[in-house]
Amino acid sequence: MSDQPSRLELLRFARRVVVQQATDAVRQLDGWIADEERREAERRRGEEMRPPPPDWWLLQYGLNRKNVDAVHAGDCWAATKSGRCRPASREQVVEALRHGVPACVHCRPDTALGLLDNP
């Protein structure tokens, strides 16, 4: 009798290996799915908890008090520190953003106004 396993024993061994690898692959996929579901739930929760856009806006003027340097949401902490801001209407802020006045990088009024995709 030979010491080599029979063809049937080799096939059964191969089947066990494939089942083990498939089980591991499915477990890994389930983990990825669970991670993605968690991220999606966090994204939805974040959207639900996002505060509404402010009802007031600010224009930050330059040192000469004539040129507009930036646009801020009304509750922006950076605007209060500058001391060079004046209240503005939504229309004034939209017009300033459309004319190339930079949006504050902290409060992102362009995002709050939904103007990111518009030129």
N, C-alpha and C. Protein backbone atom coordinates (compact mmCIF):
# COMPACT_ATOMS: atom_id res chain seq x y z
N MET A 1 0.83 -1.18 0.00
CA MET A 1 0.00 0.00 0.00
C MET A 1 0.88 1.24 0.00
N SER A 2 0.47 2.27 -0.71
CA SER A 2 1.31 3.46 -0.79
C SER A 2 1.00 4.43 0.34
N ASP A 3 2.00 5.28 0.64
CA ASP A 3 1.83 6.28 1.70
C ASP A 3 1.12 7.54 1.18
N GLN A 4 0.88 7.59 -0.08
CA GLN A 4 0.24 8.78 -0.67
C GLN A 4 -1.26 8.73 -0.43
N PRO A 5 -1.89 9.91 -0.14
CA PRO A 5 -3.33 9.93 0.07
C PRO A 5 -4.05 9.62 -1.25
N SER A 6 -5.24 9.10 -1.10
CA SER A 6 -6.01 8.77 -2.30
C SER A 6 -6.58 10.05 -2.91
N ARG A 7 -7.02 9.92 -4.12
CA ARG A 7 -7.61 11.06 -4.83
C ARG A 7 -8.84 11.57 -4.06
N LEU A 8 -9.63 10.70 -3.52
CA LEU A 8 -10.81 11.09 -2.76
C LEU A 8 -10.42 11.88 -1.51
N GLU A 9 -9.38 11.44 -0.80
CA GLU A 9 -8.90 12.17 0.39
C GLU A 9 -8.39 13.55 0.00
N LEU A 10 -7.70 13.66 -1.11
CA LEU A 10 -7.22 14.96 -1.59
C LEU A 10 -8.39 15.88 -1.94
N LEU A 11 -9.41 15.36 -2.57
CA LEU A 11 -10.57 16.17 -2.92
C LEU A 11 -11.31 16.65 -1.67
N ARG A 12 -11.43 15.78 -0.68
CA ARG A 12 -12.08 16.18 0.57
C ARG A 12 -11.26 17.24 1.30
N PHE A 13 -9.93 17.10 1.27
CA PHE A 13 -9.06 18.10 1.87
C PHE A 13 -9.22 19.44 1.14
N ALA A 14 -9.23 19.38 -0.18
CA ALA A 14 -9.39 20.61 -0.98
C ALA A 14 -10.72 21.27 -0.66
N ARG A 15 -11.77 20.49 -0.49
CA ARG A 15 -13.08 21.03 -0.15
C ARG A 15 -13.04 21.74 1.20
N ARG A 16 -12.40 21.14 2.20
CA ARG A 16 -12.30 21.77 3.52
C ARG A 16 -11.55 23.10 3.43
N VAL A 17 -10.48 23.13 2.64
CA VAL A 17 -9.71 24.36 2.47
C VAL A 17 -10.57 25.44 1.82
N VAL A 18 -11.30 25.07 0.77
CA VAL A 18 -12.15 26.04 0.08
C VAL A 18 -13.25 26.55 1.01
N VAL A 19 -13.87 25.66 1.78
CA VAL A 19 -14.92 26.07 2.72
C VAL A 19 -14.34 27.03 3.76
N GLN A 20 -13.16 26.72 4.27
CA GLN A 20 -12.53 27.58 5.27
C GLN A 20 -12.22 28.95 4.68
N GLN A 21 -11.65 28.98 3.47
CA GLN A 21 -11.33 30.26 2.83
C GLN A 21 -12.59 31.05 2.52
N ALA A 22 -13.63 30.35 2.04
CA ALA A 22 -14.88 31.05 1.73
C ALA A 22 -15.51 31.61 3.00
N THR A 23 -15.46 30.84 4.09
CA THR A 23 -16.00 31.31 5.36
C THR A 23 -15.25 32.55 5.83
N ASP A 24 -13.94 32.53 5.71
CA ASP A 24 -13.14 33.70 6.10
C ASP A 24 -13.46 34.89 5.20
N ALA A 25 -13.61 34.65 3.90
CA ALA A 25 -13.92 35.74 2.97
C ALA A 25 -15.29 36.34 3.28
N VAL A 26 -16.28 35.49 3.57
CA VAL A 26 -17.61 35.99 3.91
C VAL A 26 -17.57 36.77 5.21
N ARG A 27 -16.81 36.30 6.18
CA ARG A 27 -16.67 37.02 7.45
C ARG A 27 -16.04 38.40 7.21
N GLN A 28 -15.04 38.44 6.34
CA GLN A 28 -14.40 39.72 6.03
C GLN A 28 -15.38 40.65 5.33
N LEU A 29 -16.12 40.13 4.36
CA LEU A 29 -17.12 40.94 3.67
C LEU A 29 -18.19 41.44 4.63
N ASP A 30 -18.63 40.59 5.54
CA ASP A 30 -19.62 41.01 6.53
C ASP A 30 -19.08 42.15 7.39
N GLY A 31 -17.79 42.07 7.72
CA GLY A 31 -17.16 43.15 8.49
C GLY A 31 -17.14 44.45 7.71
N TRP A 32 -16.81 44.36 6.42
CA TRP A 32 -16.79 45.57 5.58
C TRP A 32 -18.20 46.15 5.45
N ILE A 33 -19.18 45.28 5.29
CA ILE A 33 -20.57 45.74 5.19
C ILE A 33 -20.99 46.43 6.48
N ALA A 34 -20.66 45.83 7.62
CA ALA A 34 -21.00 46.43 8.91
C ALA A 34 -20.32 47.79 9.07
N ASP A 35 -19.05 47.89 8.67
CA ASP A 35 -18.34 49.17 8.76
C ASP A 35 -19.02 50.23 7.89
N GLU A 36 -19.39 49.84 6.69
CA GLU A 36 -20.04 50.78 5.78
C GLU A 36 -21.41 51.20 6.29
N GLU A 37 -22.15 50.25 6.86
CA GLU A 37 -23.45 50.59 7.44
C GLU A 37 -23.28 51.55 8.61
N ARG A 38 -22.24 51.35 9.41
CA ARG A 38 -21.96 52.27 10.53
C ARG A 38 -21.63 53.66 10.01
N ARG A 39 -20.77 53.72 8.98
CA ARG A 39 -20.42 55.03 8.41
C ARG A 39 -21.64 55.73 7.83
N GLU A 40 -22.49 54.97 7.15
CA GLU A 40 -23.69 55.55 6.56
C GLU A 40 -24.63 56.06 7.65
N ALA A 41 -24.78 55.30 8.72
CA ALA A 41 -25.63 55.74 9.83
C ALA A 41 -25.05 57.01 10.47
N GLU A 42 -23.74 57.07 10.64
CA GLU A 42 -23.10 58.26 11.20
C GLU A 42 -23.30 59.46 10.29
N ARG A 43 -23.19 59.25 8.97
CA ARG A 43 -23.38 60.34 8.02
C ARG A 43 -24.81 60.87 8.11
N ARG A 44 -25.79 59.95 8.14
CA ARG A 44 -27.19 60.36 8.26
C ARG A 44 -27.44 61.09 9.57
N ARG A 45 -26.87 60.56 10.66
CA ARG A 45 -27.05 61.20 11.97
C ARG A 45 -26.43 62.60 11.95
N GLY A 46 -25.27 62.73 11.30
CA GLY A 46 -24.63 64.04 11.20
C GLY A 46 -25.47 65.02 10.41
N GLU A 47 -26.08 64.55 9.32
CA GLU A 47 -26.95 65.43 8.54
C GLU A 47 -28.17 65.85 9.34
N GLU A 48 -28.73 64.91 10.11
CA GLU A 48 -29.90 65.24 10.92
C GLU A 48 -29.57 66.22 12.03
N MET A 49 -28.36 66.12 12.56
CA MET A 49 -27.96 66.98 13.69
C MET A 49 -27.36 68.30 13.23
N ARG A 50 -27.10 68.44 11.93
CA ARG A 50 -26.49 69.68 11.43
C ARG A 50 -27.43 70.84 11.70
N PRO A 51 -26.91 71.89 12.27
CA PRO A 51 -27.78 73.03 12.56
C PRO A 51 -28.23 73.69 11.25
N PRO A 52 -29.38 74.33 11.28
CA PRO A 52 -29.84 75.01 10.07
C PRO A 52 -28.91 76.18 9.75
N PRO A 53 -28.88 76.59 8.51
CA PRO A 53 -28.02 77.73 8.17
C PRO A 53 -28.45 78.97 8.95
N PRO A 54 -27.50 79.82 9.29
CA PRO A 54 -27.84 81.01 10.08
C PRO A 54 -28.75 81.95 9.29
N ASP A 55 -29.50 82.73 10.02
CA ASP A 55 -30.41 83.70 9.40
C ASP A 55 -29.71 85.03 9.13
N TRP A 56 -28.49 85.14 9.55
CA TRP A 56 -27.79 86.39 9.34
C TRP A 56 -26.37 86.12 8.87
N TRP A 57 -25.83 87.09 8.17
CA TRP A 57 -24.54 86.94 7.50
C TRP A 57 -23.70 88.17 7.78
N LEU A 58 -22.40 88.03 7.55
CA LEU A 58 -21.48 89.14 7.78
C LEU A 58 -20.54 89.30 6.60
N LEU A 59 -20.24 90.55 6.30
CA LEU A 59 -19.20 90.87 5.32
C LEU A 59 -18.03 91.45 6.09
N GLN A 60 -16.85 90.92 5.84
CA GLN A 60 -15.64 91.41 6.52
C GLN A 60 -14.96 92.38 5.58
N TYR A 61 -14.74 93.59 6.07
CA TYR A 61 -14.12 94.64 5.26
C TYR A 61 -12.63 94.71 5.53
N GLY A 62 -11.92 95.22 4.53
CA GLY A 62 -10.47 95.36 4.65
C GLY A 62 -10.10 96.49 5.58
N LEU A 63 -8.81 96.70 5.73
CA LEU A 63 -8.34 97.73 6.65
C LEU A 63 -8.78 99.12 6.22
N ASN A 64 -9.00 99.32 4.90
CA ASN A 64 -9.44 100.64 4.44
C ASN A 64 -10.95 100.81 4.55
N ARG A 65 -11.65 99.78 5.05
CA ARG A 65 -13.09 99.78 5.29
C ARG A 65 -13.92 99.92 4.00
N LYS A 66 -13.31 99.72 2.82
CA LYS A 66 -14.04 99.81 1.56
C LYS A 66 -14.13 98.46 0.86
N ASN A 67 -13.03 97.74 0.81
CA ASN A 67 -13.01 96.46 0.12
C ASN A 67 -13.52 95.35 1.03
N VAL A 68 -14.30 94.45 0.43
CA VAL A 68 -14.79 93.29 1.19
C VAL A 68 -13.74 92.19 1.09
N ASP A 69 -13.27 91.71 2.25
CA ASP A 69 -12.21 90.69 2.29
C ASP A 69 -12.74 89.27 2.39
N ALA A 70 -13.88 89.10 3.06
CA ALA A 70 -14.40 87.74 3.27
C ALA A 70 -15.89 87.80 3.60
N VAL A 71 -16.50 86.63 3.45
CA VAL A 71 -17.91 86.46 3.78
C VAL A 71 -17.98 85.45 4.92
N HIS A 72 -18.82 85.75 5.92
CA HIS A 72 -18.97 84.87 7.09
C HIS A 72 -20.43 84.58 7.36
N ALA A 73 -20.68 83.44 7.99
CA ALA A 73 -21.99 83.19 8.58
C ALA A 73 -22.07 84.03 9.85
N GLY A 74 -23.26 84.35 10.26
CA GLY A 74 -23.44 85.26 11.39
C GLY A 74 -22.87 84.75 12.70
N ASP A 75 -22.78 83.44 12.86
CA ASP A 75 -22.31 82.90 14.13
C ASP A 75 -20.84 82.48 14.08
N CYS A 76 -20.07 82.99 13.12
CA CYS A 76 -18.67 82.58 12.95
C CYS A 76 -17.78 83.21 14.03
N TRP A 77 -17.01 82.37 14.69
CA TRP A 77 -16.11 82.87 15.73
C TRP A 77 -14.98 83.70 15.13
N ALA A 78 -14.55 83.37 13.92
CA ALA A 78 -13.45 84.12 13.30
C ALA A 78 -13.90 85.55 12.96
N ALA A 79 -15.15 85.71 12.60
CA ALA A 79 -15.66 87.04 12.27
C ALA A 79 -15.69 87.93 13.50
N THR A 80 -16.07 87.36 14.63
CA THR A 80 -16.13 88.18 15.84
C THR A 80 -14.74 88.61 16.29
N LYS A 81 -13.73 87.79 15.97
CA LYS A 81 -12.36 88.16 16.35
C LYS A 81 -11.79 89.26 15.47
N SER A 82 -12.25 89.34 14.22
CA SER A 82 -11.65 90.31 13.30
C SER A 82 -12.05 91.74 13.65
N GLY A 83 -13.29 91.93 14.08
CA GLY A 83 -13.74 93.28 14.42
C GLY A 83 -13.99 94.16 13.21
N ARG A 84 -13.93 93.60 12.01
CA ARG A 84 -14.12 94.40 10.79
C ARG A 84 -15.34 93.94 10.00
N CYS A 85 -16.30 93.33 10.67
CA CYS A 85 -17.46 92.79 9.98
C CYS A 85 -18.69 93.65 10.21
N ARG A 86 -19.53 93.63 9.18
CA ARG A 86 -20.81 94.32 9.26
C ARG A 86 -21.90 93.36 8.82
N PRO A 87 -23.09 93.49 9.39
CA PRO A 87 -24.20 92.62 8.98
C PRO A 87 -24.54 92.83 7.50
N ALA A 88 -24.98 91.74 6.86
CA ALA A 88 -25.35 91.81 5.45
C ALA A 88 -26.54 90.90 5.22
N SER A 89 -27.27 91.20 4.17
CA SER A 89 -28.41 90.35 3.81
C SER A 89 -27.90 89.13 3.05
N ARG A 90 -28.76 88.15 2.93
CA ARG A 90 -28.41 86.94 2.19
C ARG A 90 -28.05 87.30 0.75
N GLU A 91 -28.80 88.20 0.15
CA GLU A 91 -28.56 88.60 -1.24
C GLU A 91 -27.18 89.27 -1.39
N GLN A 92 -26.82 90.11 -0.43
CA GLN A 92 -25.51 90.77 -0.49
C GLN A 92 -24.38 89.75 -0.40
N VAL A 93 -24.56 88.77 0.46
CA VAL A 93 -23.53 87.75 0.65
C VAL A 93 -23.41 86.89 -0.60
N VAL A 94 -24.53 86.49 -1.16
CA VAL A 94 -24.50 85.68 -2.39
C VAL A 94 -23.82 86.46 -3.51
N GLU A 95 -24.16 87.71 -3.63
CA GLU A 95 -23.54 88.55 -4.68
C GLU A 95 -22.03 88.67 -4.46
N ALA A 96 -21.62 88.86 -3.22
CA ALA A 96 -20.18 88.97 -2.93
C ALA A 96 -19.46 87.66 -3.27
N LEU A 97 -20.04 86.54 -2.92
CA LEU A 97 -19.42 85.25 -3.23
C LEU A 97 -19.32 85.03 -4.74
N ARG A 98 -20.36 85.43 -5.45
CA ARG A 98 -20.35 85.26 -6.92
C ARG A 98 -19.34 86.18 -7.58
N HIS A 99 -18.98 87.27 -6.91
CA HIS A 99 -17.97 88.19 -7.46
C HIS A 99 -16.56 87.86 -6.98
N GLY A 100 -16.40 86.70 -6.38
CA GLY A 100 -15.05 86.25 -6.04
C GLY A 100 -14.56 86.57 -4.65
N VAL A 101 -15.41 87.12 -3.81
CA VAL A 101 -15.00 87.36 -2.42
C VAL A 101 -14.88 85.99 -1.74
N PRO A 102 -13.75 85.73 -1.10
CA PRO A 102 -13.57 84.40 -0.51
C PRO A 102 -14.50 84.16 0.69
N ALA A 103 -14.93 82.92 0.77
CA ALA A 103 -15.75 82.48 1.90
C ALA A 103 -14.81 82.13 3.06
N CYS A 104 -15.26 82.37 4.26
CA CYS A 104 -14.48 82.02 5.45
C CYS A 104 -14.25 80.51 5.47
N VAL A 105 -13.03 80.11 5.74
CA VAL A 105 -12.70 78.68 5.77
C VAL A 105 -13.20 78.01 7.04
N HIS A 106 -13.62 78.78 8.02
CA HIS A 106 -14.08 78.21 9.28
C HIS A 106 -15.59 77.94 9.28
N CYS A 107 -16.37 78.91 8.83
CA CYS A 107 -17.83 78.75 8.89
C CYS A 107 -18.43 78.32 7.55
N ARG A 108 -17.70 78.41 6.46
CA ARG A 108 -18.11 77.98 5.13
C ARG A 108 -19.51 78.47 4.75
N PRO A 109 -19.70 79.79 4.62
CA PRO A 109 -21.02 80.29 4.24
C PRO A 109 -21.45 79.85 2.85
N ASP A 110 -20.49 79.59 1.96
CA ASP A 110 -20.84 79.11 0.63
C ASP A 110 -21.51 77.74 0.70
N THR A 111 -21.07 76.91 1.63
CA THR A 111 -21.70 75.60 1.82
C THR A 111 -23.09 75.77 2.41
N ALA A 112 -23.22 76.62 3.41
CA ALA A 112 -24.51 76.84 4.05
C ALA A 112 -25.53 77.41 3.07
N LEU A 113 -25.05 78.20 2.11
CA LEU A 113 -25.95 78.80 1.12
C LEU A 113 -26.17 77.88 -0.08
N GLY A 114 -25.43 76.79 -0.14
CA GLY A 114 -25.57 75.86 -1.26
C GLY A 114 -24.95 76.37 -2.54
N LEU A 115 -23.89 77.15 -2.43
CA LEU A 115 -23.26 77.75 -3.61
C LEU A 115 -21.96 77.08 -4.03
N LEU A 116 -21.63 75.96 -3.47
CA LEU A 116 -20.34 75.33 -3.80
C LEU A 116 -20.25 74.93 -5.26
N ASP A 117 -21.34 74.44 -5.84
CA ASP A 117 -21.29 73.96 -7.21
C ASP A 117 -21.54 75.06 -8.23
N ASN A 118 -22.01 76.18 -7.78
CA ASN A 118 -22.32 77.27 -8.71
C ASN A 118 -21.11 78.15 -8.92
N PRO A 119 -20.91 78.61 -10.15
CA PRO A 119 -19.77 79.52 -10.40
C PRO A 119 -20.04 80.91 -9.86
